[in-house]
Amino acid sequence: MKNKSNLPFERHNYILMIVGIFTIAIGFIIMTIDQQDYGFGFLGLTLGPMIVLIGFIIEFFAIFSKSKQ
């Protein structure tokens, strides 16, 4: 008989969640290092938000992915 944990997710879900959180944080950091006034440069308007969006996609995938067993 397999030991069932009381945790709602499995190990790979939590790892993906941590990766998603770090990706979102990196996106916000990239937005803050933009040298243009009020963040209107490439980093603040394009690259940073795209990385944040990728982080949220990773988070949704981590929540909805299921085990193959």
PDB file of N, CA and C in Angstrom:
ATOM      1  N   MET A   1       0.830  -1.176   0.000  1.00  0.00           N
ATOM      2  CA  MET A   1       0.000   0.000   0.000  1.00  0.00           C
ATOM      3  C   MET A   1       0.882   1.248   0.000  1.00  0.00           C
ATOM      4  N   LYS A   2       0.514   2.221  -0.816  1.00  0.00           N
ATOM      5  CA  LYS A   2       1.311   3.426  -0.983  1.00  0.00           C
ATOM      6  C   LYS A   2       0.990   4.448   0.109  1.00  0.00           C
ATOM      7  N   ASN A   3       2.040   5.087   0.631  1.00  0.00           N
ATOM      8  CA  ASN A   3       1.832   6.142   1.628  1.00  0.00           C
ATOM      9  C   ASN A   3       1.252   7.364   0.947  1.00  0.00           C
ATOM     10  N   LYS A   4       0.116   7.826   1.420  1.00  0.00           N
ATOM     11  CA  LYS A   4      -0.497   9.029   0.882  1.00  0.00           C
ATOM     12  C   LYS A   4      -0.195  10.198   1.799  1.00  0.00           C
ATOM     13  N   SER A   5       0.242  11.275   1.232  1.00  0.00           N
ATOM     14  CA  SER A   5       0.518  12.479   1.990  1.00  0.00           C
ATOM     15  C   SER A   5      -0.744  13.330   2.085  1.00  0.00           C
ATOM     16  N   ASN A   6      -0.824  14.135   3.106  1.00  0.00           N
ATOM     17  CA  ASN A   6      -1.956  15.038   3.259  1.00  0.00           C
ATOM     18  C   ASN A   6      -1.776  16.334   2.479  1.00  0.00           C
ATOM     19  N   LEU A   7      -0.638  16.489   1.821  1.00  0.00           N
ATOM     20  CA  LEU A   7      -0.389  17.695   1.046  1.00  0.00           C
ATOM     21  C   LEU A   7      -1.222  17.682  -0.228  1.00  0.00           C
ATOM     22  N   PRO A   8      -1.702  18.850  -0.652  1.00  0.00           N
ATOM     23  CA  PRO A   8      -2.580  18.884  -1.826  1.00  0.00           C
ATOM     24  C   PRO A   8      -1.852  18.658  -3.147  1.00  0.00           C
ATOM     25  N   PHE A   9      -0.540  18.904  -3.180  1.00  0.00           N
ATOM     26  CA  PHE A   9       0.222  18.744  -4.409  1.00  0.00           C
ATOM     27  C   PHE A   9       1.377  17.785  -4.181  1.00  0.00           C
ATOM     28  N   GLU A  10       2.005  17.390  -5.284  1.00  0.00           N
ATOM     29  CA  GLU A  10       3.173  16.507  -5.189  1.00  0.00           C
ATOM     30  C   GLU A  10       4.449  17.336  -5.312  1.00  0.00           C
ATOM     31  N   ARG A  11       5.572  16.650  -5.201  1.00  0.00           N
ATOM     32  CA  ARG A  11       6.871  17.327  -5.190  1.00  0.00           C
ATOM     33  C   ARG A  11       7.109  18.140  -6.456  1.00  0.00           C
ATOM     34  N   HIS A  12       6.789  17.577  -7.618  1.00  0.00           N
ATOM     35  CA  HIS A  12       7.057  18.311  -8.866  1.00  0.00           C
ATOM     36  C   HIS A  12       6.189  19.561  -8.976  1.00  0.00           C
ATOM     37  N   ASN A  13       4.993  19.546  -8.381  1.00  0.00           N
ATOM     38  CA  ASN A  13       4.150  20.744  -8.375  1.00  0.00           C
ATOM     39  C   ASN A  13       4.811  21.867  -7.569  1.00  0.00           C
ATOM     40  N   TYR A  14       5.332  21.514  -6.412  1.00  0.00           N
ATOM     41  CA  TYR A  14       5.962  22.528  -5.567  1.00  0.00           C
ATOM     42  C   TYR A  14       7.236  23.075  -6.209  1.00  0.00           C
ATOM     43  N   ILE A  15       7.993  22.223  -6.862  1.00  0.00           N
ATOM     44  CA  ILE A  15       9.200  22.690  -7.547  1.00  0.00           C
ATOM     45  C   ILE A  15       8.829  23.667  -8.657  1.00  0.00           C
ATOM     46  N   LEU A  16       7.798  23.338  -9.439  1.00  0.00           N
ATOM     47  CA  LEU A  16       7.355  24.243 -10.494  1.00  0.00           C
ATOM     48  C   LEU A  16       6.823  25.556  -9.917  1.00  0.00           C
ATOM     49  N   MET A  17       6.160  25.497  -8.775  1.00  0.00           N
ATOM     50  CA  MET A  17       5.666  26.726  -8.146  1.00  0.00           C
ATOM     51  C   MET A  17       6.813  27.633  -7.721  1.00  0.00           C
ATOM     52  N   ILE A  18       7.859  27.039  -7.168  1.00  0.00           N
ATOM     53  CA  ILE A  18       9.024  27.829  -6.764  1.00  0.00           C
ATOM     54  C   ILE A  18       9.700  28.447  -7.980  1.00  0.00           C
ATOM     55  N   VAL A  19       9.830  27.676  -9.061  1.00  0.00           N
ATOM     56  CA  VAL A  19      10.409  28.211 -10.297  1.00  0.00           C
ATOM     57  C   VAL A  19       9.558  29.358 -10.822  1.00  0.00           C
ATOM     58  N   GLY A  20       8.243  29.224 -10.772  1.00  0.00           N
ATOM     59  CA  GLY A  20       7.349  30.289 -11.228  1.00  0.00           C
ATOM     60  C   GLY A  20       7.479  31.545 -10.389  1.00  0.00           C
ATOM     61  N   ILE A  21       7.591  31.395  -9.075  1.00  0.00           N
ATOM     62  CA  ILE A  21       7.743  32.554  -8.196  1.00  0.00           C
ATOM     63  C   ILE A  21       9.053  33.278  -8.491  1.00  0.00           C
ATOM     64  N   PHE A  22      10.136  32.521  -8.671  1.00  0.00           N
ATOM     65  CA  PHE A  22      11.413  33.151  -9.004  1.00  0.00           C
ATOM     66  C   PHE A  22      11.361  33.839 -10.358  1.00  0.00           C
ATOM     67  N   THR A  23      10.659  33.250 -11.329  1.00  0.00           N
ATOM     68  CA  THR A  23      10.536  33.863 -12.644  1.00  0.00           C
ATOM     69  C   THR A  23       9.767  35.178 -12.557  1.00  0.00           C
ATOM     70  N   ILE A  24       8.701  35.202 -11.782  1.00  0.00           N
ATOM     71  CA  ILE A  24       7.935  36.438 -11.593  1.00  0.00           C
ATOM     72  C   ILE A  24       8.799  37.498 -10.916  1.00  0.00           C
ATOM     73  N   ALA A  25       9.550  37.104  -9.901  1.00  0.00           N
ATOM     74  CA  ALA A  25      10.421  38.052  -9.200  1.00  0.00           C
ATOM     75  C   ALA A  25      11.494  38.607 -10.135  1.00  0.00           C
ATOM     76  N   ILE A  26      12.076  37.762 -10.973  1.00  0.00           N
ATOM     77  CA  ILE A  26      13.088  38.221 -11.927  1.00  0.00           C
ATOM     78  C   ILE A  26      12.474  39.210 -12.914  1.00  0.00           C
ATOM     79  N   GLY A  27      11.241  38.954 -13.344  1.00  0.00           N
ATOM     80  CA  GLY A  27      10.559  39.884 -14.248  1.00  0.00           C
ATOM     81  C   GLY A  27      10.369  41.254 -13.610  1.00  0.00           C
ATOM     82  N   PHE A  28       9.971  41.286 -12.343  1.00  0.00           N
ATOM     83  CA  PHE A  28       9.800  42.569 -11.663  1.00  0.00           C
ATOM     84  C   PHE A  28      11.138  43.270 -11.454  1.00  0.00           C
ATOM     85  N   ILE A  29      12.177  42.504 -11.170  1.00  0.00           N
ATOM     86  CA  ILE A  29      13.510  43.104 -11.019  1.00  0.00           C
ATOM     87  C   ILE A  29      13.967  43.706 -12.336  1.00  0.00           C
ATOM     88  N   ILE A  30      13.723  43.011 -13.442  1.00  0.00           N
ATOM     89  CA  ILE A  30      14.090  43.539 -14.756  1.00  0.00           C
ATOM     90  C   ILE A  30      13.336  44.839 -15.043  1.00  0.00           C
ATOM     91  N   MET A  31      12.078  44.900 -14.648  1.00  0.00           N
ATOM     92  CA  MET A  31      11.318  46.134 -14.867  1.00  0.00           C
ATOM     93  C   MET A  31      11.881  47.299 -14.064  1.00  0.00           C
ATOM     94  N   THR A  32      12.440  47.022 -12.888  1.00  0.00           N
ATOM     95  CA  THR A  32      12.958  48.119 -12.059  1.00  0.00           C
ATOM     96  C   THR A  32      14.325  48.604 -12.503  1.00  0.00           C
ATOM     97  N   ILE A  33      15.088  47.819 -13.242  1.00  0.00           N
ATOM     98  CA  ILE A  33      16.424  48.255 -13.648  1.00  0.00           C
ATOM     99  C   ILE A  33      16.410  49.024 -14.961  1.00  0.00           C
ATOM    100  N   ASP A  34      15.230  49.314 -15.487  1.00  0.00           N
ATOM    101  CA  ASP A  34      15.135  50.093 -16.721  1.00  0.00           C
ATOM    102  C   ASP A  34      15.637  51.514 -16.472  1.00  0.00           C
ATOM    103  N   GLN A  35      16.496  52.018 -17.336  1.00  0.00           N
ATOM    104  CA  GLN A  35      17.120  53.330 -17.159  1.00  0.00           C
ATOM    105  C   GLN A  35      16.291  54.482 -17.727  1.00  0.00           C
ATOM    106  N   GLN A  36      15.272  54.195 -18.497  1.00  0.00           N
ATOM    107  CA  GLN A  36      14.440  55.251 -19.076  1.00  0.00           C
ATOM    108  C   GLN A  36      13.552  55.871 -17.999  1.00  0.00           C
ATOM    109  N   ASP A  37      13.076  57.092 -18.273  1.00  0.00           N
ATOM    110  CA  ASP A  37      12.186  57.765 -17.329  1.00  0.00           C
ATOM    111  C   ASP A  37      10.899  56.982 -17.148  1.00  0.00           C
ATOM    112  N   TYR A  38      10.513  56.783 -15.901  1.00  0.00           N
ATOM    113  CA  TYR A  38       9.269  56.108 -15.518  1.00  0.00           C
ATOM    114  C   TYR A  38       9.153  54.683 -16.070  1.00  0.00           C
ATOM    115  N   GLY A  39      10.249  54.068 -16.411  1.00  0.00           N
ATOM    116  CA  GLY A  39      10.235  52.691 -16.891  1.00  0.00           C
ATOM    117  C   GLY A  39       9.663  52.520 -18.281  1.00  0.00           C
ATOM    118  N   PHE A  40       9.792  53.535 -19.135  1.00  0.00           N
ATOM    119  CA  PHE A  40       9.218  53.467 -20.472  1.00  0.00           C
ATOM    120  C   PHE A  40      10.179  52.910 -21.520  1.00  0.00           C
ATOM    121  N   GLY A  41      11.230  52.228 -21.115  1.00  0.00           N
ATOM    122  CA  GLY A  41      12.165  51.633 -22.057  1.00  0.00           C
ATOM    123  C   GLY A  41      11.772  50.203 -22.404  1.00  0.00           C
ATOM    124  N   PHE A  42      12.643  49.539 -23.130  1.00  0.00           N
ATOM    125  CA  PHE A  42      12.393  48.158 -23.554  1.00  0.00           C
ATOM    126  C   PHE A  42      12.252  47.222 -22.365  1.00  0.00           C
ATOM    127  N   LEU A  43      13.112  47.389 -21.367  1.00  0.00           N
ATOM    128  CA  LEU A  43      13.070  46.490 -20.207  1.00  0.00           C
ATOM    129  C   LEU A  43      11.791  46.662 -19.405  1.00  0.00           C
ATOM    130  N   GLY A  44      11.340  47.890 -19.225  1.00  0.00           N
ATOM    131  CA  GLY A  44      10.176  48.153 -18.396  1.00  0.00           C
ATOM    132  C   GLY A  44       8.849  47.867 -19.069  1.00  0.00           C
ATOM    133  N   LEU A  45       8.787  48.020 -20.385  1.00  0.00           N
ATOM    134  CA  LEU A  45       7.512  47.850 -21.089  1.00  0.00           C
ATOM    135  C   LEU A  45       7.368  46.534 -21.836  1.00  0.00           C
ATOM    136  N   THR A  46       8.485  45.900 -22.181  1.00  0.00           N
ATOM    137  CA  THR A  46       8.395  44.704 -23.022  1.00  0.00           C
ATOM    138  C   THR A  46       8.957  43.465 -22.343  1.00  0.00           C
ATOM    139  N   LEU A  47      10.224  43.492 -22.042  1.00  0.00           N
ATOM    140  CA  LEU A  47      10.889  42.286 -21.548  1.00  0.00           C
ATOM    141  C   LEU A  47      10.410  41.879 -20.158  1.00  0.00           C
ATOM    142  N   GLY A  48      10.360  42.818 -19.235  1.00  0.00           N
ATOM    143  CA  GLY A  48       9.928  42.503 -17.866  1.00  0.00           C
ATOM    144  C   GLY A  48       8.520  41.923 -17.800  1.00  0.00           C
ATOM    145  N   PRO A  49       7.523  42.584 -18.416  1.00  0.00           N
ATOM    146  CA  PRO A  49       6.168  42.013 -18.383  1.00  0.00           C
ATOM    147  C   PRO A  49       6.054  40.653 -19.066  1.00  0.00           C
ATOM    148  N   MET A  50       6.827  40.427 -20.125  1.00  0.00           N
ATOM    149  CA  MET A  50       6.785  39.102 -20.772  1.00  0.00           C
ATOM    150  C   MET A  50       7.314  38.030 -19.833  1.00  0.00           C
ATOM    151  N   ILE A  51       8.365  38.324 -19.096  1.00  0.00           N
ATOM    152  CA  ILE A  51       8.915  37.343 -18.162  1.00  0.00           C
ATOM    153  C   ILE A  51       7.947  37.110 -17.006  1.00  0.00           C
ATOM    154  N   VAL A  52       7.276  38.160 -16.544  1.00  0.00           N
ATOM    155  CA  VAL A  52       6.268  37.988 -15.493  1.00  0.00           C
ATOM    156  C   VAL A  52       5.122  37.108 -16.002  1.00  0.00           C
ATOM    157  N   LEU A  53       4.687  37.331 -17.228  1.00  0.00           N
ATOM    158  CA  LEU A  53       3.627  36.509 -17.816  1.00  0.00           C
ATOM    159  C   LEU A  53       4.056  35.051 -17.921  1.00  0.00           C
ATOM    160  N   ILE A  54       5.291  34.813 -18.324  1.00  0.00           N
ATOM    161  CA  ILE A  54       5.810  33.442 -18.388  1.00  0.00           C
ATOM    162  C   ILE A  54       5.803  32.818 -16.984  1.00  0.00           C
ATOM    163  N   GLY A  55       6.146  33.605 -15.964  1.00  0.00           N
ATOM    164  CA  GLY A  55       6.109  33.106 -14.590  1.00  0.00           C
ATOM    165  C   GLY A  55       4.708  32.709 -14.163  1.00  0.00           C
ATOM    166  N   PHE A  56       3.697  33.506 -14.539  1.00  0.00           N
ATOM    167  CA  PHE A  56       2.323  33.149 -14.198  1.00  0.00           C
ATOM    168  C   PHE A  56       1.859  31.914 -14.964  1.00  0.00           C
ATOM    169  N   ILE A  57       2.299  31.755 -16.194  1.00  0.00           N
ATOM    170  CA  ILE A  57       1.964  30.545 -16.950  1.00  0.00           C
ATOM    171  C   ILE A  57       2.574  29.322 -16.272  1.00  0.00           C
ATOM    172  N   ILE A  58       3.807  29.441 -15.799  1.00  0.00           N
ATOM    173  CA  ILE A  58       4.442  28.339 -15.068  1.00  0.00           C
ATOM    174  C   ILE A  58       3.636  28.023 -13.805  1.00  0.00           C
ATOM    175  N   GLU A  59       3.171  29.055 -13.105  1.00  0.00           N
ATOM    176  CA  GLU A  59       2.374  28.845 -11.891  1.00  0.00           C
ATOM    177  C   GLU A  59       1.069  28.104 -12.196  1.00  0.00           C
ATOM    178  N   PHE A  60       0.351  28.519 -13.238  1.00  0.00           N
ATOM    179  CA  PHE A  60      -0.889  27.827 -13.596  1.00  0.00           C
ATOM    180  C   PHE A  60      -0.621  26.381 -13.992  1.00  0.00           C
ATOM    181  N   PHE A  61       0.465  26.158 -14.729  1.00  0.00           N
ATOM    182  CA  PHE A  61       0.815  24.793 -15.108  1.00  0.00           C
ATOM    183  C   PHE A  61       1.148  23.969 -13.867  1.00  0.00           C
ATOM    184  N   ALA A  62       1.839  24.570 -12.899  1.00  0.00           N
ATOM    185  CA  ALA A  62       2.194  23.852 -11.668  1.00  0.00           C
ATOM    186  C   ALA A  62       0.951  23.474 -10.871  1.00  0.00           C
ATOM    187  N   ILE A  63      -0.042  24.343 -10.868  1.00  0.00           N
ATOM    188  CA  ILE A  63      -1.258  24.059 -10.107  1.00  0.00           C
ATOM    189  C   ILE A  63      -2.102  22.974 -10.785  1.00  0.00           C
ATOM    190  N   PHE A  64      -2.202  23.028 -12.105  1.00  0.00           N
ATOM    191  CA  PHE A  64      -3.108  22.126 -12.806  1.00  0.00           C
ATOM    192  C   PHE A  64      -2.478  20.832 -13.294  1.00  0.00           C
ATOM    193  N   SER A  65      -1.145  20.700 -13.198  1.00  0.00           N
ATOM    194  CA  SER A  65      -0.537  19.447 -13.661  1.00  0.00           C
ATOM    195  C   SER A  65      -0.785  18.341 -12.646  1.00  0.00           C
ATOM    196  N   LYS A  66      -1.003  17.154 -13.161  1.00  0.00           N
ATOM    197  CA  LYS A  66      -1.272  16.003 -12.308  1.00  0.00           C
ATOM    198  C   LYS A  66      -0.185  14.953 -12.495  1.00  0.00           C
ATOM    199  N   SER A  67      -0.130  14.061 -11.564  1.00  0.00           N
ATOM    200  CA  SER A  67       0.851  12.979 -11.636  1.00  0.00           C
ATOM    201  C   SER A  67       0.450  11.999 -12.741  1.00  0.00           C
ATOM    202  N   LYS A  68       1.438  11.348 -13.318  1.00  0.00           N
ATOM    203  CA  LYS A  68       1.170  10.386 -14.369  1.00  0.00           C
ATOM    204  C   LYS A  68       0.706   9.049 -13.818  1.00  0.00           C
ATOM    205  N   GLN A  69       0.752   8.882 -12.515  1.00  0.00           N
ATOM    206  CA  GLN A  69       0.364   7.607 -11.898  1.00  0.00           C
ATOM    207  C   GLN A  69      -1.121   7.534 -11.665  1.00  0.00           C
TER     208      GLN A  69
END
